[in-house]
Amino acid sequence: MSVMIKTSVCHLLVMVSVIVGACDTKTSNPKKENLVCTYEGDYVTDGYARRAEGYDWSVVSITRLTDSAVNVSVRSRADIKKGSCSFDATAFFRTEDTLVAKYEDADIFFVISSDTLEISSDTPGLLYFFCSGGGTLAGEYIKLHERLDVSQLVDKTAFTEYR
């Protein structure tokens, strides 16, 4: 009988350690997780405010992948003419305010300050590659504090998953 009790106690201890180990919440980095949450959202060019008047505009959507990585998706208005810009990449935090995505041997920087996102690259000409008609990803985008109006975007799939 004493062997049976020892075996039961041993099984109980193993089960408790598995449960405690599974509930360990210290494995993620809250600082990085908060950064991702802070920067997650939609950033638009100034033409977005005048979209009803036919102005061209682009949106940069940032969505969380992990505590240190985000998906960056850029789309342009495409209801009147073919969308001028299209870009998708995974970006990682280089500093607290800078995300970096790699394309071939170049870095594309997404610098966030307050409600402003600025896109640049160590190879500036590269940012024209993702746009047509002389457009570029480079420039300033302002964070939306309302739901993005996707009615003028042709490729809406990237923007409906988390809304």
Protein backbone atom coordinates (compact mmCIF):
# COMPACT_ATOMS: atom_id res chain seq x y z
CA MET A 1 0.00 0.00 0.00
CA SER A 2 2.83 2.39 0.75
CA VAL A 3 4.20 1.90 -2.80
CA MET A 4 0.79 2.85 -4.19
CA ILE A 5 0.67 6.05 -2.11
CA LYS A 6 4.22 7.01 -3.15
CA THR A 7 3.32 6.44 -6.82
CA SER A 8 0.15 8.54 -6.47
CA VAL A 9 2.07 11.36 -4.76
CA CYS A 10 4.71 11.23 -7.50
CA HIS A 11 2.03 11.44 -10.21
CA LEU A 12 0.39 14.34 -8.39
CA LEU A 13 3.68 16.23 -8.18
CA VAL A 14 4.33 15.71 -11.90
CA MET A 15 0.84 16.98 -12.76
CA VAL A 16 1.24 20.07 -10.56
CA SER A 17 4.63 20.93 -12.11
CA VAL A 18 3.19 20.58 -15.62
CA ILE A 19 0.29 22.88 -14.76
CA VAL A 20 2.53 25.47 -13.09
CA GLY A 21 4.96 25.37 -16.03
CA ALA A 22 2.14 25.85 -18.53
CA CYS A 23 0.91 28.92 -16.68
CA ASP A 24 4.27 30.72 -16.66
CA THR A 25 3.46 34.21 -17.91
CA LYS A 26 7.01 35.56 -17.69
CA THR A 27 8.05 34.11 -21.06
CA SER A 28 6.85 37.04 -23.18
CA ASN A 29 8.35 40.51 -23.13
CA PRO A 30 5.61 42.95 -22.02
CA LYS A 31 7.61 45.97 -23.25
CA LYS A 32 7.82 44.62 -26.82
CA GLU A 33 4.21 43.43 -26.71
CA ASN A 34 3.11 46.95 -25.69
CA LEU A 35 5.16 48.43 -28.55
CA VAL A 36 3.41 46.20 -31.05
CA CYS A 37 0.01 47.14 -29.63
CA THR A 38 0.92 50.84 -29.70
CA TYR A 39 1.91 50.80 -33.38
CA GLU A 40 -0.72 48.37 -34.63
CA GLY A 41 -3.32 50.03 -36.84
CA ASP A 42 -3.86 51.88 -40.10
CA TYR A 43 -1.82 54.87 -41.28
CA VAL A 44 -3.06 56.87 -44.29
CA THR A 45 -1.77 59.55 -46.64
CA ASP A 46 -3.37 63.01 -46.55
CA GLY A 47 -5.53 62.21 -49.61
CA TYR A 48 -7.62 59.86 -47.45
CA ALA A 49 -9.46 62.80 -45.88
CA ARG A 50 -10.59 63.91 -49.38
CA ARG A 51 -11.29 60.44 -50.80
CA ALA A 52 -14.94 61.32 -51.48
CA GLU A 53 -13.69 64.02 -53.86
CA GLY A 54 -11.66 61.49 -55.86
CA TYR A 55 -8.24 62.08 -54.29
CA ASP A 56 -5.72 59.24 -54.46
CA TRP A 57 -4.61 57.81 -51.12
CA SER A 58 -2.64 54.91 -49.63
CA VAL A 59 -2.88 53.01 -46.37
CA VAL A 60 -0.20 51.23 -44.36
CA SER A 61 -1.67 48.56 -42.11
CA ILE A 62 0.43 47.19 -39.27
CA THR A 63 -0.73 43.98 -37.61
CA ARG A 64 0.92 41.92 -34.90
CA LEU A 65 2.62 38.63 -35.75
CA THR A 66 4.66 38.17 -32.55
CA ASP A 67 5.98 40.34 -29.70
CA SER A 68 8.79 41.55 -31.94
CA ALA A 69 7.42 41.19 -35.49
CA VAL A 70 4.58 42.80 -37.41
CA ASN A 71 3.05 42.45 -40.84
CA VAL A 72 3.22 45.65 -42.89
CA SER A 73 0.79 45.91 -45.79
CA VAL A 74 0.47 48.92 -48.11
CA ARG A 75 -2.39 49.40 -50.54
CA SER A 76 -3.60 52.34 -52.61
CA ARG A 77 -7.04 53.43 -53.68
CA ALA A 78 -8.12 51.26 -56.62
CA ASP A 79 -11.78 52.01 -57.36
CA ILE A 80 -11.26 54.70 -60.02
CA LYS A 81 -8.03 53.43 -61.56
CA LYS A 82 -5.60 50.60 -60.88
CA GLY A 83 -4.08 50.88 -57.39
CA SER A 84 -0.73 52.61 -57.56
CA CYS A 85 1.06 50.91 -54.64
CA SER A 86 1.14 47.40 -53.22
CA PHE A 87 3.59 46.04 -50.64
CA ASP A 88 3.63 43.27 -48.01
CA ALA A 89 6.45 42.41 -45.62
CA THR A 90 7.34 41.27 -42.14
CA ALA A 91 9.10 43.99 -40.14
CA PHE A 92 11.02 43.74 -36.88
CA PHE A 93 11.75 46.32 -34.18
CA ARG A 94 15.24 47.80 -34.52
CA THR A 95 14.59 50.41 -31.83
CA GLU A 96 11.50 51.43 -29.87
CA ASP A 97 10.32 53.67 -32.72
CA THR A 98 11.76 51.96 -35.80
CA LEU A 99 10.59 48.86 -37.63
CA VAL A 100 12.78 47.39 -40.38
CA ALA A 101 11.77 45.14 -43.26
CA LYS A 102 14.29 43.55 -45.61
CA TYR A 103 13.90 43.46 -49.37
CA GLU A 104 16.78 41.74 -51.13
CA ASP A 105 19.83 43.55 -49.70
CA ALA A 106 18.03 46.76 -48.73
CA ASP A 107 16.41 47.90 -45.49
CA ILE A 108 13.01 49.60 -45.50
CA PHE A 109 12.44 51.70 -42.39
CA PHE A 110 9.10 52.42 -40.74
CA VAL A 111 9.70 55.15 -38.16
CA ILE A 112 6.81 55.87 -35.84
CA SER A 113 6.50 59.07 -33.83
CA SER A 114 3.26 59.74 -32.01
CA ASP A 115 0.56 59.36 -34.70
CA THR A 116 2.94 59.65 -37.66
CA LEU A 117 4.59 56.88 -39.65
CA GLU A 118 7.44 57.71 -42.02
CA ILE A 119 8.67 55.23 -44.62
CA SER A 120 12.23 55.46 -45.96
CA SER A 121 15.01 53.16 -47.13
CA ASP A 122 18.78 52.94 -47.26
CA THR A 123 18.11 52.49 -51.00
CA PRO A 124 15.47 55.23 -51.69
CA GLY A 125 14.94 54.25 -55.33
CA LEU A 126 13.68 50.86 -54.16
CA LEU A 127 10.50 52.43 -52.75
CA TYR A 128 9.38 53.32 -56.31
CA PHE A 129 9.49 49.62 -57.25
CA PHE A 130 6.29 48.87 -55.31
CA CYS A 131 4.28 51.65 -56.98
CA SER A 132 3.31 52.54 -60.52
CA GLY A 133 2.99 55.89 -62.27
CA GLY A 134 5.94 57.46 -60.44
CA GLY A 135 4.49 56.78 -56.99
CA THR A 136 6.60 55.74 -54.02
CA LEU A 137 6.08 54.20 -50.60
CA ALA A 138 8.33 56.91 -49.13
CA GLY A 139 6.64 59.60 -47.14
CA GLU A 140 4.48 60.37 -44.18
CA TYR A 141 1.31 58.57 -43.10
CA ILE A 142 -1.05 59.58 -40.28
CA LYS A 143 -2.62 57.04 -37.88
CA LEU A 144 -6.38 56.60 -38.21
CA HIS A 145 -8.40 56.63 -35.01
CA GLU A 146 -11.49 55.32 -36.76
CA ARG A 147 -12.32 52.27 -38.82
CA LEU A 148 -10.62 52.27 -42.25
CA ASP A 149 -13.02 52.79 -45.17
CA VAL A 150 -12.03 49.84 -47.40
CA SER A 151 -14.69 50.50 -50.05
CA GLN A 152 -12.14 52.08 -52.42
CA LEU A 153 -9.59 49.28 -52.05
CA VAL A 154 -9.72 46.35 -54.48
CA ASP A 155 -7.61 43.96 -52.38
CA LYS A 156 -9.51 44.16 -49.09
CA THR A 157 -8.45 40.77 -47.71
CA ALA A 158 -5.41 42.12 -45.87
CA PHE A 159 -7.60 44.68 -44.10
CA THR A 160 -10.63 42.63 -43.07
CA GLU A 161 -8.96 39.87 -41.05
CA TYR A 162 -8.55 41.91 -37.88
CA ARG A 163 -11.48 44.28 -38.11
